[in-house]
Amino acid sequence: MSALGLALGIGIQNIREGSALSLPLRVEGRSRKSAFYYGAMSAIVESIAAVLGAYAVMSMTQLLPYALLFAAGAMIYVAVEELVPGAQEHKNTDIATSGVMAGFLIMMLLDTTLV
């Protein structure tokens, strides 16, 4: 059941990701076909990378903890370096800070309760 939920979540996220790529192209004046094509191509590239990543994980299990450590560090770096300063530039900095804290709290609750 958890694999089905994960696949569903990834599929929903991919719809948003494709829209985030396709809609600006459509606003820019490209045809619907062209915008859809580029959105679909981004999903195809992601699928190919997922297969290659799965193969890499299965063949190099000893390196998996280090790869996950690197990925987590990259995500934290992007959040601290790009997102947090950008959120603090506007008037409502308390809302941005509260959102980060609430997100962290929800993440920790999900991590501890879904294990």
Protein backbone atom coordinates (compact mmCIF):
# COMPACT_ATOMS: atom_id res chain seq x y z
CA MET A 1 0.00 0.00 0.00
CA SER A 2 2.82 2.44 0.79
CA ALA A 3 4.36 1.94 -2.67
CA LEU A 4 1.02 2.81 -4.27
CA GLY A 5 0.76 5.95 -2.15
CA LEU A 6 4.29 6.93 -3.07
CA ALA A 7 3.62 6.41 -6.77
CA LEU A 8 0.42 8.45 -6.51
CA GLY A 9 2.24 11.26 -4.70
CA ILE A 10 5.00 11.34 -7.29
CA GLY A 11 2.43 11.39 -10.09
CA ILE A 12 0.58 14.32 -8.54
CA GLN A 13 3.86 16.18 -8.06
CA ASN A 14 4.81 15.55 -11.67
CA ILE A 15 1.56 17.15 -12.86
CA ARG A 16 2.45 20.33 -10.99
CA GLU A 17 6.00 20.19 -12.29
CA GLY A 18 4.87 19.77 -15.89
CA SER A 19 2.41 22.63 -15.48
CA ALA A 20 5.11 24.85 -14.01
CA LEU A 21 7.13 24.26 -17.16
CA SER A 22 4.32 24.29 -19.73
CA LEU A 23 2.23 27.25 -18.57
CA PRO A 24 4.99 29.88 -18.89
CA LEU A 25 5.71 28.57 -22.39
CA ARG A 26 2.04 28.92 -23.27
CA VAL A 27 1.91 32.48 -21.86
CA GLU A 28 5.05 33.26 -23.86
CA GLY A 29 3.10 32.51 -27.03
CA ARG A 30 4.07 28.94 -27.84
CA SER A 31 1.41 26.60 -29.16
CA ARG A 32 -0.40 24.15 -26.90
CA LYS A 33 1.32 21.30 -28.69
CA SER A 34 4.76 22.79 -28.12
CA ALA A 35 4.10 23.56 -24.44
CA PHE A 36 2.73 20.04 -23.87
CA TYR A 37 5.71 18.53 -25.70
CA TYR A 38 8.26 20.27 -23.47
CA GLY A 39 6.30 19.39 -20.33
CA ALA A 40 6.13 15.74 -21.38
CA MET A 41 9.83 15.68 -22.29
CA SER A 42 10.73 16.88 -18.79
CA ALA A 43 8.74 13.94 -17.37
CA ILE A 44 10.46 11.49 -19.72
CA VAL A 45 13.90 12.71 -18.67
CA GLU A 46 12.86 12.35 -15.04
CA SER A 47 11.67 8.78 -15.66
CA ILE A 48 14.95 7.82 -17.32
CA ALA A 49 16.90 9.32 -14.43
CA ALA A 50 14.72 7.37 -11.96
CA VAL A 51 15.54 4.08 -13.68
CA LEU A 52 19.25 4.91 -13.72
CA GLY A 53 19.06 5.96 -10.06
CA ALA A 54 17.30 2.73 -9.09
CA TYR A 55 19.99 0.73 -10.86
CA ALA A 56 22.72 2.72 -9.11
CA VAL A 57 21.09 2.18 -5.71
CA MET A 58 20.73 -1.56 -6.27
CA SER A 59 24.29 -2.00 -7.49
CA MET A 60 26.08 0.22 -4.95
CA THR A 61 24.31 -0.31 -1.64
CA GLN A 62 27.42 0.56 0.37
CA LEU A 63 27.42 4.09 -1.04
CA LEU A 64 23.70 4.71 -0.45
CA PRO A 65 24.04 6.37 2.99
CA TYR A 66 26.61 8.80 1.60
CA ALA A 67 24.48 9.57 -1.45
CA LEU A 68 21.46 10.27 0.78
CA LEU A 69 23.64 12.44 3.00
CA PHE A 70 24.75 14.44 -0.03
CA ALA A 71 21.16 14.83 -1.28
CA ALA A 72 19.95 16.00 2.13
CA GLY A 73 22.82 18.47 2.36
CA ALA A 74 22.03 19.84 -1.08
CA MET A 75 18.37 20.37 -0.13
CA ILE A 76 19.28 22.10 3.12
CA TYR A 77 21.78 24.29 1.27
CA VAL A 78 19.17 25.40 -1.27
CA ALA A 79 16.66 26.14 1.48
CA VAL A 80 19.09 28.15 3.59
CA GLU A 81 20.92 29.89 0.76
CA GLU A 82 18.01 30.71 -1.56
CA LEU A 83 14.57 30.33 0.00
CA VAL A 84 15.00 31.70 3.52
CA PRO A 85 16.70 34.98 2.51
CA GLY A 86 14.12 35.47 -0.25
CA ALA A 87 11.28 35.04 2.24
CA GLN A 88 12.86 37.57 4.61
CA GLU A 89 12.94 40.36 2.00
CA HIS A 90 9.24 41.19 2.29
CA LYS A 91 7.16 42.79 5.03
CA ASN A 92 5.67 39.62 6.54
CA THR A 93 8.85 37.92 7.69
CA ASP A 94 7.09 36.42 10.72
CA ILE A 95 4.72 34.50 8.44
CA ALA A 96 7.64 33.05 6.47
CA THR A 97 9.46 32.05 9.66
CA SER A 98 6.30 30.51 11.12
CA GLY A 99 5.76 28.60 7.88
CA VAL A 100 9.27 27.13 8.02
CA MET A 101 8.79 26.13 11.65
CA ALA A 102 5.35 24.60 10.95
CA GLY A 103 6.73 22.70 7.97
CA PHE A 104 9.57 21.32 10.05
CA LEU A 105 7.15 20.32 12.81
CA ILE A 106 4.84 18.55 10.36
CA MET A 107 7.81 16.79 8.77
CA MET A 108 9.04 15.56 12.14
CA LEU A 109 5.55 14.41 13.19
CA LEU A 110 5.13 12.48 9.95
CA ASP A 111 8.59 10.98 10.31
CA THR A 112 7.98 9.74 13.83
CA THR A 113 4.38 8.56 13.39
CA LEU A 114 4.65 6.84 10.00
CA VAL A 115 7.59 4.63 10.90
